[in-house]
PDB file of N, CA and C in Angstrom:
ATOM      1  N   UNK A   1      36.802  13.434   4.740  1.00  0.00           N
ATOM      2  CA  UNK A   1      35.128  12.566   4.670  1.00  0.00           C
ATOM      3  C   UNK A   1      34.300  13.144   4.229  1.00  0.00           C
ATOM      4  N   UNK A   2      33.480  13.091   2.926  1.00  0.00           N
ATOM      5  CA  UNK A   2      32.183  13.849   2.444  1.00  0.00           C
ATOM      6  C   UNK A   2      31.150  13.829   3.596  1.00  0.00           C
ATOM      7  N   UNK A   3      30.178  14.526   2.742  1.00  0.00           N
ATOM      8  CA  UNK A   3      28.852  14.496   3.675  1.00  0.00           C
ATOM      9  C   UNK A   3      28.535  13.306   2.761  1.00  0.00           C
ATOM     10  N   UNK A   4      27.252  12.549   3.943  1.00  0.00           N
ATOM     11  CA  UNK A   4      27.067  10.955   4.102  1.00  0.00           C
ATOM     12  C   UNK A   4      25.972  11.241   2.870  1.00  0.00           C
ATOM     13  N   UNK A   5      25.802  10.321   2.255  1.00  0.00           N
ATOM     14  CA  UNK A   5      24.845   9.835   0.910  1.00  0.00           C
ATOM     15  C   UNK A   5      23.686   9.082   1.546  1.00  0.00           C
ATOM     16  N   UNK A   6      22.526  10.215   1.601  1.00  0.00           N
ATOM     17  CA  UNK A   6      21.157   9.460   1.825  1.00  0.00           C
ATOM     18  C   UNK A   6      20.382   8.490   0.809  1.00  0.00           C
ATOM     19  N   UNK A   7      19.723   7.325   0.918  1.00  0.00           N
ATOM     20  CA  UNK A   7      19.317   6.540  -0.182  1.00  0.00           C
ATOM     21  C   UNK A   7      17.651   6.600   0.448  1.00  0.00           C
ATOM     22  N   UNK A   8      16.874   6.834  -0.158  1.00  0.00           N
ATOM     23  CA  UNK A   8      15.565   7.085   0.066  1.00  0.00           C
ATOM     24  C   UNK A   8      14.987   4.982  -0.035  1.00  0.00           C
ATOM     25  N   UNK A   9      14.580   4.558   1.006  1.00  0.00           N
ATOM     26  CA  UNK A   9      14.026   3.660   1.550  1.00  0.00           C
ATOM     27  C   UNK A   9      12.812   3.085   0.149  1.00  0.00           C
ATOM     28  N   UNK A  10      12.432   4.071  -0.555  1.00  0.00           N
ATOM     29  CA  UNK A  10      11.467   3.446  -1.375  1.00  0.00           C
ATOM     30  C   UNK A  10      12.633   3.575  -2.658  1.00  0.00           C
ATOM     31  N   UNK A  11      13.362   2.977  -2.858  1.00  0.00           N
ATOM     32  CA  UNK A  11      14.496   2.930  -3.629  1.00  0.00           C
ATOM     33  C   UNK A  11      14.891   1.265  -4.315  1.00  0.00           C
ATOM     34  N   UNK A  12      15.068   1.035  -5.292  1.00  0.00           N
ATOM     35  CA  UNK A  12      15.899  -0.545  -6.142  1.00  0.00           C
ATOM     36  C   UNK A  12      15.085  -1.503  -5.452  1.00  0.00           C
ATOM     37  N   UNK A  13      15.450  -2.840  -4.781  1.00  0.00           N
ATOM     38  CA  UNK A  13      14.965  -3.606  -5.082  1.00  0.00           C
ATOM     39  C   UNK A  13      13.844  -3.522  -3.640  1.00  0.00           C
ATOM     40  N   UNK A  14      13.550  -2.445  -2.739  1.00  0.00           N
ATOM     41  CA  UNK A  14      12.684  -2.337  -1.548  1.00  0.00           C
ATOM     42  C   UNK A  14      11.410  -2.214  -2.027  1.00  0.00           C
ATOM     43  N   UNK A  15      11.319  -1.445  -3.641  1.00  0.00           N
ATOM     44  CA  UNK A  15       9.669  -1.097  -4.285  1.00  0.00           C
ATOM     45  C   UNK A  15       9.782  -2.061  -5.382  1.00  0.00           C
ATOM     46  N   UNK A  16      10.477  -3.110  -5.439  1.00  0.00           N
ATOM     47  CA  UNK A  16      10.628  -3.396  -6.843  1.00  0.00           C
ATOM     48  C   UNK A  16       9.016  -4.431  -7.088  1.00  0.00           C
ATOM     49  N   UNK A  17       8.198  -4.795  -5.604  1.00  0.00           N
ATOM     50  CA  UNK A  17       7.434  -5.082  -6.048  1.00  0.00           C
ATOM     51  C   UNK A  17       6.160  -4.340  -6.265  1.00  0.00           C
ATOM     52  N   UNK A  18       6.294  -3.110  -6.514  1.00  0.00           N
ATOM     53  CA  UNK A  18       5.285  -2.059  -7.216  1.00  0.00           C
ATOM     54  C   UNK A  18       5.487  -2.323  -8.460  1.00  0.00           C
ATOM     55  N   UNK A  19       6.108  -2.894  -9.062  1.00  0.00           N
ATOM     56  CA  UNK A  19       6.166  -2.858 -10.487  1.00  0.00           C
ATOM     57  C   UNK A  19       5.281  -3.960 -10.744  1.00  0.00           C
ATOM     58  N   UNK A  20       5.188  -5.076 -10.043  1.00  0.00           N
ATOM     59  CA  UNK A  20       4.000  -5.887 -10.465  1.00  0.00           C
ATOM     60  C   UNK A  20       2.923  -5.995  -9.810  1.00  0.00           C
ATOM     61  N   UNK A  21       2.336  -4.640  -9.243  1.00  0.00           N
ATOM     62  CA  UNK A  21       1.257  -4.876  -8.650  1.00  0.00           C
ATOM     63  C   UNK A  21       0.098  -4.559  -9.083  1.00  0.00           C
ATOM     64  N   UNK A  22      -0.879  -4.979  -9.094  1.00  0.00           N
ATOM     65  CA  UNK A  22      -1.833  -5.102 -10.041  1.00  0.00           C
ATOM     66  C   UNK A  22      -2.526  -3.657 -10.213  1.00  0.00           C
ATOM     67  N   UNK A  23      -2.505  -3.185  -9.251  1.00  0.00           N
ATOM     68  CA  UNK A  23      -3.076  -1.701  -8.770  1.00  0.00           C
ATOM     69  C   UNK A  23      -2.199  -0.371 -10.009  1.00  0.00           C
ATOM     70  N   UNK A  24      -1.080  -1.025  -9.943  1.00  0.00           N
ATOM     71  CA  UNK A  24      -0.507  -0.080 -11.097  1.00  0.00           C
ATOM     72  C   UNK A  24      -1.111  -0.406 -12.503  1.00  0.00           C
ATOM     73  N   UNK A  25      -2.056  -1.222 -12.915  1.00  0.00           N
ATOM     74  CA  UNK A  25      -2.599  -1.447 -14.291  1.00  0.00           C
ATOM     75  C   UNK A  25      -3.959  -1.173 -14.219  1.00  0.00           C
ATOM     76  N   UNK A  26      -4.992  -0.537 -12.905  1.00  0.00           N
ATOM     77  CA  UNK A  26      -5.712   0.068 -12.917  1.00  0.00           C
ATOM     78  C   UNK A  26      -6.027   1.331 -12.594  1.00  0.00           C
ATOM     79  N   UNK A  27      -7.095   1.705 -12.426  1.00  0.00           N
ATOM     80  CA  UNK A  27      -7.123   3.216 -11.861  1.00  0.00           C
ATOM     81  C   UNK A  27      -7.095   3.848 -10.676  1.00  0.00           C
ATOM     82  N   UNK A  28      -6.062   4.379 -10.697  1.00  0.00           N
ATOM     83  CA  UNK A  28      -5.740   4.470  -9.293  1.00  0.00           C
ATOM     84  C   UNK A  28      -7.062   5.612  -8.404  1.00  0.00           C
ATOM     85  N   UNK A  29      -7.640   6.009  -9.345  1.00  0.00           N
ATOM     86  CA  UNK A  29      -8.912   6.160  -8.562  1.00  0.00           C
ATOM     87  C   UNK A  29      -9.610   5.769  -7.354  1.00  0.00           C
ATOM     88  N   UNK A  30      -9.507   4.342  -7.706  1.00  0.00           N
ATOM     89  CA  UNK A  30     -10.403   3.098  -7.223  1.00  0.00           C
ATOM     90  C   UNK A  30      -9.876   2.785  -5.511  1.00  0.00           C
ATOM     91  N   UNK A  31      -8.668   3.284  -5.670  1.00  0.00           N
ATOM     92  CA  UNK A  31      -7.737   2.744  -4.640  1.00  0.00           C
ATOM     93  C   UNK A  31      -7.615   3.917  -3.537  1.00  0.00           C
ATOM     94  N   UNK A  32      -8.251   5.390  -3.776  1.00  0.00           N
ATOM     95  CA  UNK A  32      -8.061   6.557  -3.013  1.00  0.00           C
ATOM     96  C   UNK A  32      -9.346   6.961  -3.198  1.00  0.00           C
ATOM     97  N   UNK A  33     -10.602   6.556  -2.453  1.00  0.00           N
ATOM     98  CA  UNK A  33     -11.822   6.771  -3.236  1.00  0.00           C
ATOM     99  C   UNK A  33     -11.982   8.158  -1.976  1.00  0.00           C
ATOM    100  N   UNK A  34     -13.344   8.656  -2.075  1.00  0.00           N
ATOM    101  CA  UNK A  34     -13.610   9.850  -1.604  1.00  0.00           C
ATOM    102  C   UNK A  34     -14.232   9.200  -0.159  1.00  0.00           C
ATOM    103  N   UNK A  35     -13.822  10.632   1.097  1.00  0.00           N
ATOM    104  CA  UNK A  35     -14.353   9.585   2.393  1.00  0.00           C
ATOM    105  C   UNK A  35     -15.969   9.634   1.746  1.00  0.00           C
ATOM    106  N   UNK A  36     -16.608   8.049   2.239  1.00  0.00           N
ATOM    107  CA  UNK A  36     -17.543   7.550   2.530  1.00  0.00           C
ATOM    108  C   UNK A  36     -17.825   6.678   1.230  1.00  0.00           C
ATOM    109  N   UNK A  37     -16.814   7.035   0.253  1.00  0.00           N
ATOM    110  CA  UNK A  37     -16.833   6.071  -1.509  1.00  0.00           C
ATOM    111  C   UNK A  37     -16.687   4.638  -1.100  1.00  0.00           C
ATOM    112  N   UNK A  38     -17.060   3.991  -1.898  1.00  0.00           N
ATOM    113  CA  UNK A  38     -16.761   2.346  -2.258  1.00  0.00           C
ATOM    114  C   UNK A  38     -15.402   1.967  -1.828  1.00  0.00           C
ATOM    115  N   UNK A  39     -14.658   0.919  -1.316  1.00  0.00           N
ATOM    116  CA  UNK A  39     -13.514   0.682  -1.818  1.00  0.00           C
ATOM    117  C   UNK A  39     -13.684  -1.212  -2.790  1.00  0.00           C
ATOM    118  N   UNK A  40     -14.902  -1.610  -2.850  1.00  0.00           N
ATOM    119  CA  UNK A  40     -15.168  -2.424  -3.259  1.00  0.00           C
ATOM    120  C   UNK A  40     -14.200  -3.301  -4.172  1.00  0.00           C
ATOM    121  N   UNK A  41     -14.097  -2.140  -5.658  1.00  0.00           N
ATOM    122  CA  UNK A  41     -13.132  -2.641  -7.111  1.00  0.00           C
ATOM    123  C   UNK A  41     -12.075  -2.862  -6.416  1.00  0.00           C
ATOM    124  N   UNK A  42     -11.430  -1.765  -5.343  1.00  0.00           N
ATOM    125  CA  UNK A  42     -10.123  -1.591  -5.263  1.00  0.00           C
ATOM    126  C   UNK A  42     -10.020  -3.114  -4.477  1.00  0.00           C
ATOM    127  N   UNK A  43     -10.587  -3.356  -3.349  1.00  0.00           N
ATOM    128  CA  UNK A  43     -10.710  -4.671  -2.991  1.00  0.00           C
ATOM    129  C   UNK A  43     -10.293  -5.750  -3.850  1.00  0.00           C
ATOM    130  N   UNK A  44     -11.216  -5.856  -4.871  1.00  0.00           N
ATOM    131  CA  UNK A  44     -11.401  -6.778  -5.140  1.00  0.00           C
ATOM    132  C   UNK A  44     -10.268  -7.334  -6.308  1.00  0.00           C
ATOM    133  N   UNK A  45      -9.140  -5.858  -6.880  1.00  0.00           N
ATOM    134  CA  UNK A  45      -8.464  -6.199  -7.656  1.00  0.00           C
ATOM    135  C   UNK A  45      -7.471  -6.651  -7.076  1.00  0.00           C
ATOM    136  N   UNK A  46      -7.144  -6.247  -5.574  1.00  0.00           N
ATOM    137  CA  UNK A  46      -5.859  -6.589  -4.585  1.00  0.00           C
ATOM    138  C   UNK A  46      -6.247  -8.529  -3.845  1.00  0.00           C
ATOM    139  N   UNK A  47      -7.330  -8.609  -4.289  1.00  0.00           N
ATOM    140  CA  UNK A  47      -7.573  -9.937  -3.803  1.00  0.00           C
ATOM    141  C   UNK A  47      -6.493 -11.064  -4.869  1.00  0.00           C
ATOM    142  N   UNK A  48      -6.393 -10.363  -6.397  1.00  0.00           N
ATOM    143  CA  UNK A  48      -5.613 -11.039  -7.164  1.00  0.00           C
ATOM    144  C   UNK A  48      -4.349 -10.590  -7.064  1.00  0.00           C
ATOM    145  N   UNK A  49      -4.104  -9.859  -6.357  1.00  0.00           N
ATOM    146  CA  UNK A  49      -2.860  -9.176  -6.864  1.00  0.00           C
ATOM    147  C   UNK A  49      -1.695 -10.468  -5.965  1.00  0.00           C
ATOM    148  N   UNK A  50      -0.639 -10.612  -6.699  1.00  0.00           N
ATOM    149  CA  UNK A  50       0.390 -11.286  -6.313  1.00  0.00           C
ATOM    150  C   UNK A  50       1.336 -10.299  -5.444  1.00  0.00           C
ATOM    151  N   UNK A  51       1.562  -9.207  -4.621  1.00  0.00           N
ATOM    152  CA  UNK A  51       2.072  -8.707  -3.909  1.00  0.00           C
ATOM    153  C   UNK A  51       1.543  -8.317  -2.930  1.00  0.00           C
ATOM    154  N   UNK A  52      -0.082  -8.630  -2.824  1.00  0.00           N
ATOM    155  CA  UNK A  52      -0.664  -8.009  -1.732  1.00  0.00           C
ATOM    156  C   UNK A  52      -0.045  -7.742  -0.178  1.00  0.00           C
ATOM    157  N   UNK A  53       0.913  -9.060  -0.145  1.00  0.00           N
ATOM    158  CA  UNK A  53       1.598  -8.922   1.181  1.00  0.00           C
ATOM    159  C   UNK A  53       2.554  -7.761   1.328  1.00  0.00           C
ATOM    160  N   UNK A  54       3.317  -7.819   0.599  1.00  0.00           N
ATOM    161  CA  UNK A  54       4.154  -6.761   0.242  1.00  0.00           C
ATOM    162  C   UNK A  54       4.038  -5.412   0.399  1.00  0.00           C
ATOM    163  N   UNK A  55       2.643  -5.156   0.011  1.00  0.00           N
ATOM    164  CA  UNK A  55       1.782  -3.929  -0.554  1.00  0.00           C
ATOM    165  C   UNK A  55       1.331  -4.005   1.279  1.00  0.00           C
ATOM    166  N   UNK A  56       0.745  -4.405   1.801  1.00  0.00           N
ATOM    167  CA  UNK A  56       0.122  -4.392   3.067  1.00  0.00           C
ATOM    168  C   UNK A  56       1.117  -3.806   4.025  1.00  0.00           C
ATOM    169  N   UNK A  57       2.641  -4.786   4.385  1.00  0.00           N
ATOM    170  CA  UNK A  57       3.718  -4.503   4.928  1.00  0.00           C
ATOM    171  C   UNK A  57       4.285  -3.253   4.860  1.00  0.00           C
ATOM    172  N   UNK A  58       4.195  -2.798   3.199  1.00  0.00           N
ATOM    173  CA  UNK A  58       4.571  -1.178   3.264  1.00  0.00           C
ATOM    174  C   UNK A  58       4.068  -0.253   3.795  1.00  0.00           C
ATOM    175  N   UNK A  59       2.565  -0.138   3.798  1.00  0.00           N
ATOM    176  CA  UNK A  59       1.490   0.695   4.197  1.00  0.00           C
ATOM    177  C   UNK A  59       1.622   0.310   5.903  1.00  0.00           C
ATOM    178  N   UNK A  60       1.866  -0.348   6.442  1.00  0.00           N
ATOM    179  CA  UNK A  60       1.830  -0.400   7.711  1.00  0.00           C
ATOM    180  C   UNK A  60       3.281  -0.088   8.496  1.00  0.00           C
ATOM    181  N   UNK A  61       4.495  -0.476   7.427  1.00  0.00           N
ATOM    182  CA  UNK A  61       5.670  -0.074   7.780  1.00  0.00           C
ATOM    183  C   UNK A  61       5.663   1.727   7.843  1.00  0.00           C
ATOM    184  N   UNK A  62       4.973   2.138   6.830  1.00  0.00           N
ATOM    185  CA  UNK A  62       5.215   3.778   6.481  1.00  0.00           C
ATOM    186  C   UNK A  62       3.785   4.676   7.135  1.00  0.00           C
ATOM    187  N   UNK A  63       2.965   4.093   7.897  1.00  0.00           N
ATOM    188  CA  UNK A  63       2.040   4.657   8.137  1.00  0.00           C
ATOM    189  C   UNK A  63       1.053   5.319   7.252  1.00  0.00           C
ATOM    190  N   UNK A  64       0.738   4.796   6.101  1.00  0.00           N
ATOM    191  CA  UNK A  64       0.015   5.064   4.981  1.00  0.00           C
ATOM    192  C   UNK A  64      -1.513   5.277   5.595  1.00  0.00           C
ATOM    193  N   UNK A  65      -1.847   6.624   5.628  1.00  0.00           N
ATOM    194  CA  UNK A  65      -3.037   6.765   6.091  1.00  0.00           C
ATOM    195  C   UNK A  65      -4.274   7.046   5.225  1.00  0.00           C
ATOM    196  N   UNK A  66      -4.597   6.971   3.958  1.00  0.00           N
ATOM    197  CA  UNK A  66      -4.974   7.080   2.981  1.00  0.00           C
ATOM    198  C   UNK A  66      -4.793   5.961   1.981  1.00  0.00           C
ATOM    199  N   UNK A  67      -6.135   5.508   1.350  1.00  0.00           N
ATOM    200  CA  UNK A  67      -6.284   4.122   0.197  1.00  0.00           C
ATOM    201  C   UNK A  67      -5.996   3.100   0.655  1.00  0.00           C
ATOM    202  N   UNK A  68      -6.358   2.448  -0.183  1.00  0.00           N
ATOM    203  CA  UNK A  68      -6.346   1.028   0.116  1.00  0.00           C
ATOM    204  C   UNK A  68      -5.016   0.303  -0.125  1.00  0.00           C
ATOM    205  N   UNK A  69      -4.648  -0.631   0.544  1.00  0.00           N
ATOM    206  CA  UNK A  69      -3.367  -0.716   0.574  1.00  0.00           C
ATOM    207  C   UNK A  69      -3.134  -2.378   1.264  1.00  0.00           C
ATOM    208  N   UNK A  70      -2.768  -3.295  -0.118  1.00  0.00           N
ATOM    209  CA  UNK A  70      -2.841  -4.406   0.545  1.00  0.00           C
ATOM    210  C   UNK A  70      -3.942  -5.107   0.521  1.00  0.00           C
ATOM    211  N   UNK A  71      -5.458  -4.349   0.431  1.00  0.00           N
ATOM    212  CA  UNK A  71      -6.977  -5.070   0.194  1.00  0.00           C
ATOM    213  C   UNK A  71      -7.479  -4.224   1.874  1.00  0.00           C
ATOM    214  N   UNK A  72      -6.677  -3.482   2.622  1.00  0.00           N
ATOM    215  CA  UNK A  72      -7.162  -2.861   3.336  1.00  0.00           C
ATOM    216  C   UNK A  72      -7.337  -1.617   3.095  1.00  0.00           C
ATOM    217  N   UNK A  73      -8.465  -0.974   4.468  1.00  0.00           N
ATOM    218  CA  UNK A  73      -8.630   0.258   3.875  1.00  0.00           C
ATOM    219  C   UNK A  73      -7.835   1.073   5.447  1.00  0.00           C
ATOM    220  N   UNK A  74      -7.728   2.254   4.981  1.00  0.00           N
ATOM    221  CA  UNK A  74      -7.133   3.234   6.566  1.00  0.00           C
ATOM    222  C   UNK A  74      -7.629   2.259   8.274  1.00  0.00           C
ATOM    223  N   UNK A  75      -8.959   2.140   7.711  1.00  0.00           N
ATOM    224  CA  UNK A  75      -9.578   1.764   8.985  1.00  0.00           C
ATOM    225  C   UNK A  75      -9.053   0.321   9.559  1.00  0.00           C
ATOM    226  N   UNK A  76      -9.091  -0.742   8.509  1.00  0.00           N
ATOM    227  CA  UNK A  76      -8.606  -2.206   8.735  1.00  0.00           C
ATOM    228  C   UNK A  76      -7.395  -1.829   8.928  1.00  0.00           C
ATOM    229  N   UNK A  77      -6.303  -0.906   8.649  1.00  0.00           N
ATOM    230  CA  UNK A  77      -5.562  -1.134   9.066  1.00  0.00           C
ATOM    231  C   UNK A  77      -5.109  -0.524  10.456  1.00  0.00           C
ATOM    232  N   UNK A  78      -5.438   0.285  10.451  1.00  0.00           N
ATOM    233  CA  UNK A  78      -5.607   0.875  11.922  1.00  0.00           C
ATOM    234  C   UNK A  78      -5.986  -0.231  13.386  1.00  0.00           C
ATOM    235  N   UNK A  79      -6.877  -0.955  12.539  1.00  0.00           N
ATOM    236  CA  UNK A  79      -7.748  -2.156  13.675  1.00  0.00           C
ATOM    237  C   UNK A  79      -6.410  -3.291  13.733  1.00  0.00           C
ATOM    238  N   UNK A  80      -5.845  -3.751  12.817  1.00  0.00           N
ATOM    239  CA  UNK A  80      -4.827  -4.525  12.379  1.00  0.00           C
ATOM    240  C   UNK A  80      -3.695  -4.155  13.470  1.00  0.00           C
ATOM    241  N   UNK A  81      -3.523  -2.757  13.258  1.00  0.00           N
ATOM    242  CA  UNK A  81      -1.899  -2.382  13.874  1.00  0.00           C
ATOM    243  C   UNK A  81      -2.148  -2.406  15.483  1.00  0.00           C
ATOM    244  N   UNK A  82      -3.575  -1.901  15.913  1.00  0.00           N
ATOM    245  CA  UNK A  82      -3.748  -1.949  17.063  1.00  0.00           C
ATOM    246  C   UNK A  82      -3.737  -3.601  17.926  1.00  0.00           C
ATOM    247  N   UNK A  83      -4.443  -4.656  16.840  1.00  0.00           N
ATOM    248  CA  UNK A  83      -4.329  -5.930  17.404  1.00  0.00           C
ATOM    249  C   UNK A  83      -2.803  -6.593  17.715  1.00  0.00           C
ATOM    250  N   UNK A  84      -1.795  -5.984  16.707  1.00  0.00           N
ATOM    251  CA  UNK A  84      -0.790  -6.690  16.786  1.00  0.00           C
ATOM    252  C   UNK A  84      -0.022  -5.616  17.999  1.00  0.00           C
ATOM    253  N   UNK A  85      -0.129  -4.930  18.913  1.00  0.00           N
ATOM    254  CA  UNK A  85       0.394  -4.007  19.929  1.00  0.00           C
ATOM    255  C   UNK A  85       0.314  -5.232  20.890  1.00  0.00           C
TER     256      UNK A  85
END
């Protein structure tokens, strides 16, 4: 038996949604504002994004602690996770 091959979860079809994400075509700075900075522009982009659900699901499953994912800020994602428990 050879050594096991580890395949990262962030490859292939699992991350295909990122190629269709509107944020990939926009200024990434908007999605990672400084503390106290506005999230309005990023959230506006998210509202019209076809992969918003996949993005939010990814952020929740991977415990993303920074940035706007799926149209939600870090605080909003934490609140959503608490409600789910």
